[in-house]
C-alpha atoms as a PDB file:
ATOM      1  CA  UNK A   1     -35.732 -35.126  -4.497  1.00  0.00           C
ATOM      2  CA  UNK A   2     -33.909 -37.085  -1.808  1.00  0.00           C
ATOM      3  CA  UNK A   3     -34.889 -40.366  -3.495  1.00  0.00           C
ATOM      4  CA  UNK A   4     -33.220 -39.204  -6.698  1.00  0.00           C
ATOM      5  CA  UNK A   5     -30.062 -38.332  -4.785  1.00  0.00           C
ATOM      6  CA  UNK A   6     -30.027 -41.689  -3.044  1.00  0.00           C
ATOM      7  CA  UNK A   7     -30.578 -43.554  -6.318  1.00  0.00           C
ATOM      8  CA  UNK A   8     -27.852 -41.548  -8.021  1.00  0.00           C
ATOM      9  CA  UNK A   9     -25.541 -42.246  -5.099  1.00  0.00           C
ATOM     10  CA  UNK A  10     -26.201 -45.988  -5.206  1.00  0.00           C
ATOM     11  CA  UNK A  11     -25.691 -46.074  -8.976  1.00  0.00           C
ATOM     12  CA  UNK A  12     -22.383 -44.241  -8.683  1.00  0.00           C
ATOM     13  CA  UNK A  13     -21.200 -46.527  -5.890  1.00  0.00           C
ATOM     14  CA  UNK A  14     -22.031 -49.616  -7.979  1.00  0.00           C
ATOM     15  CA  UNK A  15     -20.232 -48.154 -10.974  1.00  0.00           C
ATOM     16  CA  UNK A  16     -17.153 -47.386  -8.845  1.00  0.00           C
ATOM     17  CA  UNK A  17     -17.183 -50.918  -7.392  1.00  0.00           C
ATOM     18  CA  UNK A  18     -17.255 -52.404 -10.881  1.00  0.00           C
ATOM     19  CA  UNK A  19     -14.393 -50.168 -12.004  1.00  0.00           C
ATOM     20  CA  UNK A  20     -12.335 -50.993  -8.931  1.00  0.00           C
ATOM     21  CA  UNK A  21     -12.890 -54.760  -9.452  1.00  0.00           C
ATOM     22  CA  UNK A  22     -11.771 -54.414 -13.069  1.00  0.00           C
ATOM     23  CA  UNK A  23      -8.698 -52.422 -12.018  1.00  0.00           C
ATOM     24  CA  UNK A  24      -7.901 -54.853  -9.187  1.00  0.00           C
ATOM     25  CA  UNK A  25      -7.470 -57.769 -11.536  1.00  0.00           C
ATOM     26  CA  UNK A  26      -5.572 -55.698 -14.084  1.00  0.00           C
ATOM     27  CA  UNK A  27      -1.781 -55.834 -13.460  1.00  0.00           C
ATOM     28  CA  UNK A  28       0.241 -52.618 -13.415  1.00  0.00           C
ATOM     29  CA  UNK A  29       1.763 -51.820 -16.803  1.00  0.00           C
ATOM     30  CA  UNK A  30       5.375 -51.036 -17.561  1.00  0.00           C
ATOM     31  CA  UNK A  31       6.371 -47.666 -16.054  1.00  0.00           C
ATOM     32  CA  UNK A  32       2.975 -47.332 -14.347  1.00  0.00           C
ATOM     33  CA  UNK A  33       3.213 -46.309 -10.701  1.00  0.00           C
ATOM     34  CA  UNK A  34       0.640 -46.915  -8.061  1.00  0.00           C
ATOM     35  CA  UNK A  35      -1.369 -43.825  -7.222  1.00  0.00           C
ATOM     36  CA  UNK A  36      -3.631 -44.052  -4.206  1.00  0.00           C
ATOM     37  CA  UNK A  37      -7.267 -43.793  -5.083  1.00  0.00           C
ATOM     38  CA  UNK A  38      -8.489 -40.215  -4.678  1.00  0.00           C
ATOM     39  CA  UNK A  39     -12.188 -39.531  -4.249  1.00  0.00           C
ATOM     40  CA  UNK A  40     -14.031 -38.470  -7.354  1.00  0.00           C
ATOM     41  CA  UNK A  41     -15.721 -35.105  -7.055  1.00  0.00           C
ATOM     42  CA  UNK A  42     -19.445 -35.658  -6.742  1.00  0.00           C
ATOM     43  CA  UNK A  43     -21.829 -33.574  -8.785  1.00  0.00           C
ATOM     44  CA  UNK A  44     -24.307 -33.612  -5.932  1.00  0.00           C
ATOM     45  CA  UNK A  45     -23.872 -32.372  -2.402  1.00  0.00           C
ATOM     46  CA  UNK A  46     -23.181 -34.882   0.335  1.00  0.00           C
ATOM     47  CA  UNK A  47     -22.395 -34.462   3.984  1.00  0.00           C
ATOM     48  CA  UNK A  48     -18.912 -35.210   5.307  1.00  0.00           C
ATOM     49  CA  UNK A  49     -20.174 -38.309   7.050  1.00  0.00           C
ATOM     50  CA  UNK A  50     -21.619 -39.634   3.788  1.00  0.00           C
ATOM     51  CA  UNK A  51     -18.386 -38.804   1.940  1.00  0.00           C
ATOM     52  CA  UNK A  52     -16.305 -40.709   4.478  1.00  0.00           C
ATOM     53  CA  UNK A  53     -18.575 -43.769   4.168  1.00  0.00           C
ATOM     54  CA  UNK A  54     -18.303 -43.615   0.393  1.00  0.00           C
ATOM     55  CA  UNK A  55     -14.507 -43.482   0.595  1.00  0.00           C
ATOM     56  CA  UNK A  56     -14.287 -46.446   2.940  1.00  0.00           C
ATOM     57  CA  UNK A  57     -16.554 -48.568   0.738  1.00  0.00           C
ATOM     58  CA  UNK A  58     -14.451 -48.045  -2.385  1.00  0.00           C
ATOM     59  CA  UNK A  59     -12.150 -50.860  -3.360  1.00  0.00           C
ATOM     60  CA  UNK A  60      -8.617 -49.665  -3.866  1.00  0.00           C
ATOM     61  CA  UNK A  61      -6.040 -51.661  -5.811  1.00  0.00           C
ATOM     62  CA  UNK A  62      -3.474 -53.146  -3.520  1.00  0.00           C
ATOM     63  CA  UNK A  63       0.145 -52.081  -3.788  1.00  0.00           C
ATOM     64  CA  UNK A  64       2.498 -54.802  -5.058  1.00  0.00           C
ATOM     65  CA  UNK A  65       4.992 -55.744  -2.357  1.00  0.00           C
ATOM     66  CA  UNK A  66       8.083 -55.021  -4.451  1.00  0.00           C
ATOM     67  CA  UNK A  67       7.185 -51.339  -5.123  1.00  0.00           C
ATOM     68  CA  UNK A  68       7.635 -48.691  -2.445  1.00  0.00           C
ATOM     69  CA  UNK A  69       4.388 -47.251  -1.187  1.00  0.00           C
ATOM     70  CA  UNK A  70       3.724 -43.556  -1.586  1.00  0.00           C
ATOM     71  CA  UNK A  71       2.456 -41.324   1.164  1.00  0.00           C
ATOM     72  CA  UNK A  72      -1.228 -40.762   0.902  1.00  0.00           C
ATOM     73  CA  UNK A  73      -2.421 -37.195   0.784  1.00  0.00           C
ATOM     74  CA  UNK A  74      -5.128 -36.172   3.197  1.00  0.00           C
ATOM     75  CA  UNK A  75      -8.496 -37.178   1.816  1.00  0.00           C
ATOM     76  CA  UNK A  76     -10.270 -33.964   2.777  1.00  0.00           C
ATOM     77  CA  UNK A  77      -8.614 -30.855   1.396  1.00  0.00           C
ATOM     78  CA  UNK A  78      -9.990 -27.450   2.200  1.00  0.00           C
ATOM     79  CA  UNK A  79     -10.945 -25.429  -0.859  1.00  0.00           C
ATOM     80  CA  UNK A  80      -8.457 -22.661  -1.555  1.00  0.00           C
ATOM     81  CA  UNK A  81      -9.620 -19.112  -1.182  1.00  0.00           C
ATOM     82  CA  UNK A  82      -9.474 -17.200  -4.451  1.00  0.00           C
ATOM     83  CA  UNK A  83      -6.669 -14.662  -4.627  1.00  0.00           C
ATOM     84  CA  UNK A  84      -7.365 -10.950  -4.648  1.00  0.00           C
ATOM     85  CA  UNK A  85      -6.399 -10.762  -8.337  1.00  0.00           C
ATOM     86  CA  UNK A  86      -8.924 -13.489  -9.153  1.00  0.00           C
ATOM     87  CA  UNK A  87     -11.577 -11.573  -7.213  1.00  0.00           C
ATOM     88  CA  UNK A  88     -10.710  -8.372  -9.083  1.00  0.00           C
ATOM     89  CA  UNK A  89     -10.836 -10.210 -12.405  1.00  0.00           C
ATOM     90  CA  UNK A  90     -14.244 -11.739 -11.637  1.00  0.00           C
ATOM     91  CA  UNK A  91     -15.704  -8.477 -10.263  1.00  0.00           C
ATOM     92  CA  UNK A  92     -19.089  -7.593 -11.717  1.00  0.00           C
ATOM     93  CA  UNK A  93     -19.069  -3.891 -12.582  1.00  0.00           C
ATOM     94  CA  UNK A  94     -22.791  -3.858 -13.361  1.00  0.00           C
ATOM     95  CA  UNK A  95     -24.444  -2.133 -10.405  1.00  0.00           C
ATOM     96  CA  UNK A  96     -28.184  -2.292  -9.947  1.00  0.00           C
ATOM     97  CA  UNK A  97     -30.643  -1.895  -7.077  1.00  0.00           C
ATOM     98  CA  UNK A  98     -29.936  -5.366  -5.686  1.00  0.00           C
ATOM     99  CA  UNK A  99     -26.145  -5.224  -5.449  1.00  0.00           C
ATOM    100  CA  UNK A 100     -25.663  -1.461  -4.901  1.00  0.00           C
ATOM    101  CA  UNK A 101     -25.757  -1.661  -1.075  1.00  0.00           C
ATOM    102  CA  UNK A 102     -23.099  -4.359  -1.200  1.00  0.00           C
ATOM    103  CA  UNK A 103     -20.722  -2.105  -3.155  1.00  0.00           C
ATOM    104  CA  UNK A 104     -21.566   1.155  -1.373  1.00  0.00           C
ATOM    105  CA  UNK A 105     -18.815   1.005   1.310  1.00  0.00           C
ATOM    106  CA  UNK A 106     -16.144   0.347  -1.300  1.00  0.00           C
ATOM    107  CA  UNK A 107     -17.450   3.166  -3.495  1.00  0.00           C
ATOM    108  CA  UNK A 108     -17.461   5.587  -0.551  1.00  0.00           C
ATOM    109  CA  UNK A 109     -13.950   4.485   0.466  1.00  0.00           C
ATOM    110  CA  UNK A 110     -12.633   4.984  -3.067  1.00  0.00           C
ATOM    111  CA  UNK A 111     -14.396   8.358  -3.358  1.00  0.00           C
ATOM    112  CA  UNK A 112     -12.830   9.502  -0.086  1.00  0.00           C
ATOM    113  CA  UNK A 113      -9.326   8.630  -1.298  1.00  0.00           C
ATOM    114  CA  UNK A 114      -9.934  10.366  -4.636  1.00  0.00           C
ATOM    115  CA  UNK A 115     -11.118  13.524  -2.844  1.00  0.00           C
ATOM    116  CA  UNK A 116      -8.068  13.449  -0.556  1.00  0.00           C
ATOM    117  CA  UNK A 117      -5.794  13.013  -3.582  1.00  0.00           C
ATOM    118  CA  UNK A 118      -7.359  15.997  -5.378  1.00  0.00           C
ATOM    119  CA  UNK A 119      -7.257  18.183  -2.243  1.00  0.00           C
ATOM    120  CA  UNK A 120      -3.600  17.292  -1.682  1.00  0.00           C
ATOM    121  CA  UNK A 121      -2.794  18.191  -5.296  1.00  0.00           C
ATOM    122  CA  UNK A 122      -4.516  21.597  -4.960  1.00  0.00           C
ATOM    123  CA  UNK A 123      -2.766  22.252  -1.648  1.00  0.00           C
ATOM    124  CA  UNK A 124       0.604  21.417  -3.228  1.00  0.00           C
ATOM    125  CA  UNK A 125       0.014  23.764  -6.177  1.00  0.00           C
ATOM    126  CA  UNK A 126      -1.137  26.567  -3.849  1.00  0.00           C
ATOM    127  CA  UNK A 127       1.959  26.100  -1.679  1.00  0.00           C
ATOM    128  CA  UNK A 128       4.247  26.227  -4.726  1.00  0.00           C
ATOM    129  CA  UNK A 129       2.622  29.471  -5.895  1.00  0.00           C
ATOM    130  CA  UNK A 130       3.105  30.992  -2.426  1.00  0.00           C
ATOM    131  CA  UNK A 131       6.748  29.902  -2.393  1.00  0.00           C
ATOM    132  CA  UNK A 132       7.369  31.446  -5.822  1.00  0.00           C
ATOM    133  CA  UNK A 133       5.643  34.698  -4.752  1.00  0.00           C
ATOM    134  CA  UNK A 134       7.699  34.864  -1.549  1.00  0.00           C
ATOM    135  CA  UNK A 135      10.927  34.203  -3.472  1.00  0.00           C
ATOM    136  CA  UNK A 136      10.166  37.162  -5.753  1.00  0.00           C
ATOM    137  CA  UNK A 137       9.394  39.387  -2.738  1.00  0.00           C
ATOM    138  CA  UNK A 138      12.586  38.245  -1.028  1.00  0.00           C
ATOM    139  CA  UNK A 139      14.669  39.128  -4.104  1.00  0.00           C
ATOM    140  CA  UNK A 140      13.087  42.619  -4.189  1.00  0.00           C
ATOM    141  CA  UNK A 141      13.731  43.144  -0.465  1.00  0.00           C
ATOM    142  CA  UNK A 142      17.309  41.903  -0.837  1.00  0.00           C
ATOM    143  CA  UNK A 143      17.912  44.387  -3.657  1.00  0.00           C
ATOM    144  CA  UNK A 144      16.437  47.203  -1.503  1.00  0.00           C
ATOM    145  CA  UNK A 145      18.687  46.168   1.398  1.00  0.00           C
ATOM    146  CA  UNK A 146      21.842  46.219  -0.719  1.00  0.00           C
ATOM    147  CA  UNK A 147      20.878  49.595  -2.198  1.00  0.00           C
ATOM    148  CA  UNK A 148      20.171  51.219   1.175  1.00  0.00           C
ATOM    149  CA  UNK A 149      23.304  49.643   2.696  1.00  0.00           C
ATOM    150  CA  UNK A 150      25.429  51.076  -0.119  1.00  0.00           C
ATOM    151  CA  UNK A 151      23.851  54.536   0.322  1.00  0.00           C
ATOM    152  CA  UNK A 152      24.432  54.460   4.086  1.00  0.00           C
ATOM    153  CA  UNK A 153      28.069  53.445   3.730  1.00  0.00           C
ATOM    154  CA  UNK A 154      28.516  56.216   1.151  1.00  0.00           C
ATOM    155  CA  UNK A 155      26.949  58.824   3.471  1.00  0.00           C
ATOM    156  CA  UNK A 156      29.035  57.740   6.469  1.00  0.00           C
ATOM    157  CA  UNK A 157      32.317  58.658   4.801  1.00  0.00           C
ATOM    158  CA  UNK A 158      33.988  61.643   6.582  1.00  0.00           C
ATOM    159  CA  UNK A 159      34.019  63.900   3.531  1.00  0.00           C
ATOM    160  CA  UNK A 160      30.297  63.315   2.907  1.00  0.00           C
ATOM    161  CA  UNK A 161      29.503  63.992   6.569  1.00  0.00           C
ATOM    162  CA  UNK A 162      31.398  67.314   6.383  1.00  0.00           C
ATOM    163  CA  UNK A 163      29.398  68.401   3.364  1.00  0.00           C
ATOM    164  CA  UNK A 164      26.083  67.652   5.103  1.00  0.00           C
ATOM    165  CA  UNK A 165      27.105  69.317   8.401  1.00  0.00           C
ATOM    166  CA  UNK A 166      28.547  72.436   6.676  1.00  0.00           C
ATOM    167  CA  UNK A 167      25.040  73.610   5.818  1.00  0.00           C
ATOM    168  CA  UNK A 168      24.116  73.664   9.519  1.00  0.00           C
ATOM    169  CA  UNK A 169      27.209  75.672  10.421  1.00  0.00           C
ATOM    170  CA  UNK A 170      29.312  73.021  12.098  1.00  0.00           C
ATOM    171  CA  UNK A 171      32.985  72.791  11.214  1.00  0.00           C
ATOM    172  CA  UNK A 172      35.646  70.156  11.582  1.00  0.00           C
ATOM    173  CA  UNK A 173      38.019  70.449  14.552  1.00  0.00           C
ATOM    174  CA  UNK A 174      41.603  71.247  13.597  1.00  0.00           C
ATOM    175  CA  UNK A 175      43.052  70.600  17.053  1.00  0.00           C
ATOM    176  CA  UNK A 176      42.874  67.265  18.711  1.00  0.00           C
ATOM    177  CA  UNK A 177      40.562  66.965  21.684  1.00  0.00           C
ATOM    178  CA  UNK A 178      41.979  67.400  25.217  1.00  0.00           C
ATOM    179  CA  UNK A 179      41.875  64.642  27.681  1.00  0.00           C
ATOM    180  CA  UNK A 180      40.554  65.427  31.110  1.00  0.00           C
ATOM    181  CA  UNK A 181      42.051  63.740  34.114  1.00  0.00           C
ATOM    182  CA  UNK A 182      40.071  63.144  37.232  1.00  0.00           C
ATOM    183  CA  UNK A 183      42.061  63.474  40.437  1.00  0.00           C
ATOM    184  CA  UNK A 184      40.872  61.562  43.423  1.00  0.00           C
ATOM    185  CA  UNK A 185      41.225  63.234  46.710  1.00  0.00           C
ATOM    186  CA  UNK A 186      41.862  61.321  49.867  1.00  0.00           C
ATOM    187  CA  UNK A 187      39.252  61.815  52.466  1.00  0.00           C
ATOM    188  CA  UNK A 188      41.605  61.522  55.469  1.00  0.00           C
END
């Protein structure tokens, strides 16, 4: 297997050398800018050391002296991590014995949040029913208070008091009450 990789590598390097020699002799066309040679993505895996040796062995066309040179980008770029939306889009919803343990924490987490959401909804409805029941009770008690307050104020009128006390035998005083004066004696 390693011999095949080495042979493929050598063949690709020879092909790239031939292409670079052909491009070296070819003049730049009208409106064609120089683009630094970027490494071609290999279809086989190579180590970083091997990749750096491949890049150094490649022949790159030289920049004509009358054109400004462009800044070269770093040769080794880290692969970008896929975004969360890409991960969600590529998610495999088929769950079997092999991948079930991998998805179990997420399923339990989601189930917990769903249960909390449902419990919160029930608690809110129960609280609203209690509030409505207490509002009805409060209206009834308020009506009872106003009724008893009106009856008490009606019974505390002097004429009503006289009618209630007349049955016991008490009568209203016709003469004003006398004031008693307390005289202090000197103890000398």
